[in-house]
Amino acid sequence: MLTASKLQVKRGFKTVVSDLNLDIQPREGLGLVGPNGAGKTSLLLAILGVIPSNGVIERTFTSFELGVVWQDRCLPLNVSVTSWLSYLSGIFNQPLDLELLERFNISNDSKLIRTMSGGEAQKLAIVSAFFHKPKMLVLDEPTVGLDMDSRREFLDLCRERIDSGASILITSHIPSDISSISTRITNLTNTNHETGLLFSTSRALTKEELEDLARILEISQIRETSSGYLIQTDKDVFALIGNYSVGQNFSITSFSSL
């Protein structure tokens, strides 16, 4: 259903996921756990092709066989519940699943989505993701804001989809959510690090110049290597280095991220 090998994901200059392998088959639930900032949401975005990544990703499902719940819900706020459900019914060519609406106490009415409470909007996001009985479900902190009854219904629904042959990839900070759904768990340790920015110059820089430039860039040091000067930062510093070079009578001959 979904495989990824040697996956690397960056956000800006930071590597948030490095050399990761994943394999999710039908009737499986894979839980992603890890501290805040470990790259769980970035990994999901990369797997779905929303942000770029390095490595190999193979998907055997189409976009119409995919259901997604993001932790910020991503619903159209100035649309009524009725209009949104009608839209889903049209694009998926599926009738309204009244039982699904009833399970999460969602009324098919003219209420604007932006007037819903956080918990109500989260339930609508779940209904939207499960609307067409997708083969692949990607769930990012899906139970945030749910009351206990709704959370119980959600976990039951996930197990039902797995039993019917679907695959689920879920992130959560609630251990019981992960254990209720997942047949396997992958732990993303917080290995975020600032990748190196390497630049070379038309002449060698003095120790005083390197210290002066480090102060301007607000970093502890600039290391001299056989390939050039190495900076550890997640900031966009090219313009700052360029401005400094003009005043010090040298030019930047190369600049790259490692």
Protein backbone atom coordinates (compact mmCIF):
# COMPACT_ATOMS: atom_id res chain seq x y z
CA MET A 1 0.00 0.00 0.00
CA LEU A 2 2.79 2.42 1.00
CA THR A 3 6.54 2.01 1.19
CA ALA A 4 9.32 4.52 1.75
CA SER A 5 13.04 3.84 1.78
CA LYS A 6 15.98 6.00 2.83
CA LEU A 7 13.60 8.92 3.23
CA GLN A 8 15.04 12.30 4.14
CA VAL A 9 12.84 15.32 4.82
CA LYS A 10 14.01 18.89 5.33
CA ARG A 11 12.13 21.96 6.53
CA GLY A 12 14.21 24.92 5.47
CA PHE A 13 17.80 24.04 6.32
CA LYS A 14 16.80 21.55 9.01
CA THR A 15 16.76 17.82 8.43
CA VAL A 16 13.71 16.61 10.35
CA VAL A 17 13.66 13.00 9.09
CA SER A 18 16.76 11.13 8.02
CA ASP A 19 17.26 7.71 6.38
CA LEU A 20 13.81 6.39 7.34
CA ASN A 21 12.25 3.20 5.99
CA LEU A 22 8.48 2.52 6.18
CA ASP A 23 6.25 -0.26 4.91
CA ILE A 24 2.47 -0.33 5.38
CA GLN A 25 0.37 -3.14 3.96
CA PRO A 26 -3.42 -3.64 3.81
CA ARG A 27 -5.06 -4.42 7.16
CA GLU A 28 -2.21 -2.73 9.01
CA GLY A 29 -2.04 0.27 11.30
CA LEU A 30 1.33 1.96 11.70
CA GLY A 31 1.75 4.37 14.60
CA LEU A 32 4.31 7.17 14.51
CA VAL A 33 5.40 8.35 17.94
CA GLY A 34 7.97 10.86 19.08
CA PRO A 35 8.37 14.16 20.90
CA ASN A 36 7.27 17.52 19.52
CA GLY A 37 9.56 18.52 16.68
CA ALA A 38 10.57 14.97 15.83
CA GLY A 39 9.21 15.35 12.28
CA LYS A 40 5.97 13.37 12.43
CA THR A 41 3.80 15.87 10.55
CA SER A 42 6.62 16.67 8.11
CA LEU A 43 6.95 12.97 7.38
CA LEU A 44 3.25 12.68 6.59
CA LEU A 45 3.42 15.73 4.31
CA ALA A 46 6.41 14.25 2.48
CA ILE A 47 4.78 10.84 2.09
CA LEU A 48 1.76 12.48 0.46
CA GLY A 49 3.94 14.61 -1.80
CA VAL A 50 2.92 17.92 -0.21
CA ILE A 51 6.54 18.86 0.55
CA PRO A 52 9.69 17.63 -1.22
CA SER A 53 11.82 14.81 0.11
CA ASN A 54 14.77 12.64 -0.85
CA GLY A 55 14.50 8.87 -1.07
CA VAL A 56 12.00 6.51 -2.65
CA ILE A 57 8.25 6.58 -1.96
CA GLU A 58 5.88 4.09 -3.57
CA ARG A 59 2.11 4.45 -3.25
CA THR A 60 -0.38 1.90 -4.54
CA PHE A 61 -3.44 4.02 -3.81
CA THR A 62 -4.97 6.91 -5.74
CA SER A 63 -6.00 10.27 -4.32
CA PHE A 64 -9.63 9.07 -4.37
CA GLU A 65 -8.62 6.13 -2.17
CA LEU A 66 -6.99 8.38 0.42
CA GLY A 67 -8.47 9.91 3.57
CA VAL A 68 -6.59 12.48 5.64
CA VAL A 69 -7.13 14.16 9.01
CA TRP A 70 -4.67 16.94 9.82
CA GLN A 71 -4.25 18.25 13.35
CA ASP A 72 -5.42 21.71 12.19
CA ARG A 73 -8.43 20.13 10.38
CA CYS A 74 -8.04 22.04 7.06
CA LEU A 75 -11.76 22.53 6.46
CA PRO A 76 -13.30 25.35 4.38
CA LEU A 77 -14.49 27.74 7.08
CA ASN A 78 -17.00 29.85 5.13
CA VAL A 79 -18.97 26.88 3.80
CA SER A 80 -22.02 25.31 5.44
CA VAL A 81 -21.95 21.74 6.69
CA THR A 82 -24.63 20.83 4.13
CA SER A 83 -22.65 22.31 1.24
CA TRP A 84 -19.46 20.59 2.34
CA LEU A 85 -21.10 17.18 2.66
CA SER A 86 -22.81 17.64 -0.73
CA TYR A 87 -19.42 18.50 -2.23
CA LEU A 88 -17.87 15.34 -0.80
CA SER A 89 -20.81 13.29 -2.07
CA GLY A 90 -20.28 14.70 -5.54
CA ILE A 91 -16.51 14.28 -5.89
CA PHE A 92 -16.53 10.76 -4.45
CA ASN A 93 -19.83 9.79 -6.11
CA GLN A 94 -21.03 8.46 -2.76
CA PRO A 95 -24.37 9.01 -1.01
CA LEU A 96 -24.35 10.52 2.47
CA ASP A 97 -23.55 7.94 5.11
CA LEU A 98 -26.19 8.86 7.65
CA GLU A 99 -24.94 6.27 10.10
CA LEU A 100 -21.48 7.85 10.03
CA LEU A 101 -22.96 11.29 10.66
CA GLU A 102 -25.00 9.92 13.54
CA ARG A 103 -22.00 8.20 15.12
CA PHE A 104 -20.29 11.59 15.46
CA ASN A 105 -23.45 13.61 16.05
CA ILE A 106 -22.94 15.71 12.92
CA SER A 107 -26.09 17.48 11.69
CA ASN A 108 -26.49 17.98 7.96
CA ASP A 109 -27.57 21.61 8.32
CA SER A 110 -26.77 25.13 7.14
CA LYS A 111 -24.41 25.93 10.00
CA LEU A 112 -21.18 27.50 8.76
CA ILE A 113 -18.11 25.43 9.56
CA ARG A 114 -16.37 28.48 11.06
CA THR A 115 -19.08 28.66 13.76
CA MET A 116 -18.45 25.10 14.93
CA SER A 117 -16.52 24.41 18.12
CA GLY A 118 -13.09 22.84 17.89
CA GLY A 119 -14.46 19.42 18.82
CA GLU A 120 -17.33 19.68 16.31
CA ALA A 121 -14.96 20.70 13.53
CA GLN A 122 -12.65 17.80 14.40
CA LYS A 123 -15.55 15.36 14.14
CA LEU A 124 -16.48 16.82 10.76
CA ALA A 125 -12.87 16.42 9.62
CA ILE A 126 -13.00 12.76 10.64
CA VAL A 127 -16.31 12.23 8.84
CA SER A 128 -14.78 13.88 5.75
CA ALA A 129 -11.76 11.58 5.80
CA PHE A 130 -13.81 8.39 6.24
CA PHE A 131 -16.68 9.53 3.97
CA HIS A 132 -15.69 7.39 0.96
CA LYS A 133 -14.32 4.37 2.84
CA PRO A 134 -10.71 4.98 1.73
CA LYS A 135 -8.10 2.26 1.39
CA MET A 136 -5.39 4.47 2.93
CA LEU A 137 -5.88 6.76 5.93
CA VAL A 138 -3.30 9.28 7.13
CA LEU A 139 -4.23 10.67 10.54
CA ASP A 140 -2.25 13.44 12.25
CA GLU A 141 -3.26 13.86 15.92
CA PRO A 142 -6.84 12.95 14.96
CA THR A 143 -8.40 12.86 18.45
CA VAL A 144 -7.38 16.39 19.49
CA GLY A 145 -10.47 18.13 20.87
CA LEU A 146 -12.72 15.06 20.89
CA ASP A 147 -14.85 14.15 23.89
CA MET A 148 -14.52 10.64 25.27
CA ASP A 149 -17.55 9.23 23.41
CA SER A 150 -16.41 10.64 20.07
CA ARG A 151 -12.88 9.41 20.66
CA ARG A 152 -14.21 5.92 21.37
CA GLU A 153 -16.29 6.01 18.17
CA PHE A 154 -13.26 7.15 16.21
CA LEU A 155 -11.05 4.32 17.47
CA ASP A 156 -13.81 1.80 16.74
CA LEU A 157 -14.15 3.21 13.23
CA CYS A 158 -10.40 2.90 12.61
CA ARG A 159 -10.40 -0.73 13.68
CA GLU A 160 -13.38 -1.40 11.42
CA ARG A 161 -11.55 0.09 8.44
CA ILE A 162 -8.45 -2.00 9.16
CA ASP A 163 -10.59 -5.13 9.43
CA SER A 164 -12.12 -4.30 6.04
CA GLY A 165 -8.67 -4.11 4.42
CA ALA A 166 -7.60 -0.48 4.81
CA SER A 167 -4.19 0.78 5.96
CA ILE A 168 -3.76 3.49 8.58
CA LEU A 169 -0.79 5.73 9.33
CA ILE A 170 -1.37 7.66 12.56
CA THR A 171 0.51 10.09 14.79
CA SER A 172 -0.59 10.81 18.33
CA HIS A 173 0.76 11.79 21.73
CA ILE A 174 -1.91 9.61 23.36
CA PRO A 175 -0.42 6.11 23.86
CA SER A 176 -3.81 4.40 24.03
CA ASP A 177 -4.78 5.83 20.64
CA ILE A 178 -1.64 4.41 19.08
CA SER A 179 -1.96 1.02 20.77
CA SER A 180 -5.68 0.73 19.88
CA ILE A 181 -5.08 1.14 16.16
CA SER A 182 -1.50 0.17 15.41
CA THR A 183 -0.21 -3.26 14.58
CA ARG A 184 3.30 -1.76 14.48
CA ILE A 185 4.91 1.38 15.92
CA THR A 186 7.81 3.49 14.62
CA ASN A 187 9.53 5.81 17.06
CA LEU A 188 10.85 9.03 15.55
CA THR A 189 13.51 10.28 17.91
CA ASN A 190 14.10 13.99 17.99
CA THR A 191 17.11 14.02 15.70
CA ASN A 192 16.51 17.48 14.24
CA HIS A 193 19.81 19.17 13.58
CA GLU A 194 21.05 22.23 11.80
CA THR A 195 22.55 21.15 8.53
CA GLY A 196 25.81 22.65 7.39
CA LEU A 197 25.98 25.63 5.06
CA LEU A 198 29.25 25.54 3.18
CA PHE A 199 30.73 28.54 1.39
CA SER A 200 34.08 29.32 -0.15
CA THR A 201 35.69 32.67 -0.83
CA SER A 202 38.08 34.28 -3.27
CA ARG A 203 40.71 34.53 -0.55
CA ALA A 204 41.35 33.06 2.88
CA LEU A 205 39.62 34.85 5.73
CA THR A 206 41.54 35.89 8.79
CA LYS A 207 40.66 34.68 12.28
CA GLU A 208 39.41 38.17 13.12
CA GLU A 209 37.19 38.23 10.02
CA LEU A 210 35.69 34.83 10.87
CA GLU A 211 34.93 35.96 14.42
CA ASP A 212 33.46 39.23 13.14
CA LEU A 213 31.27 37.42 10.60
CA ALA A 214 30.12 34.92 13.23
CA ARG A 215 28.93 37.82 15.41
CA ILE A 216 27.01 39.29 12.47
CA LEU A 217 25.38 35.91 11.75
CA GLU A 218 24.66 35.42 15.47
CA ILE A 219 26.36 32.01 15.60
CA SER A 220 29.07 30.66 17.87
CA GLN A 221 31.69 29.96 15.22
CA ILE A 222 32.56 29.44 11.57
CA ARG A 223 34.68 26.35 10.98
CA GLU A 224 37.31 26.21 8.28
CA THR A 225 37.34 22.88 6.39
CA SER A 226 39.18 21.54 3.36
CA SER A 227 36.10 22.37 1.24
CA GLY A 228 35.45 25.87 2.56
CA TYR A 229 33.85 27.52 5.57
CA LEU A 230 31.11 25.63 7.45
CA ILE A 231 28.23 27.31 9.30
CA GLN A 232 25.73 25.55 11.58
CA THR A 233 22.47 27.52 11.30
CA ASP A 234 18.91 27.30 10.00
CA LYS A 235 18.82 30.98 8.99
CA ASP A 236 19.04 32.42 5.49
CA VAL A 237 22.48 34.00 5.79
CA PHE A 238 23.56 34.37 2.16
CA ALA A 239 22.72 38.09 1.97
CA LEU A 240 24.49 38.83 5.26
CA ILE A 241 27.67 37.09 4.13
CA GLY A 242 27.46 38.85 0.77
CA ASN A 243 27.13 42.28 2.39
CA TYR A 244 30.08 41.55 4.68
CA SER A 245 32.25 40.38 1.77
CA VAL A 246 31.81 43.68 -0.08
CA GLY A 247 33.22 45.67 2.82
CA GLN A 248 36.11 43.26 3.38
CA ASN A 249 37.16 43.01 -0.27
CA PHE A 250 36.49 39.34 -0.96
CA SER A 251 33.80 37.51 -2.93
CA ILE A 252 31.81 34.31 -2.37
CA THR A 253 32.81 31.73 -4.97
CA SER A 254 30.40 28.98 -3.87
CA PHE A 255 27.56 28.50 -1.41
CA SER A 256 25.61 25.30 -0.71
CA SER A 257 23.74 23.36 1.95
CA LEU A 258 24.99 19.90 2.92
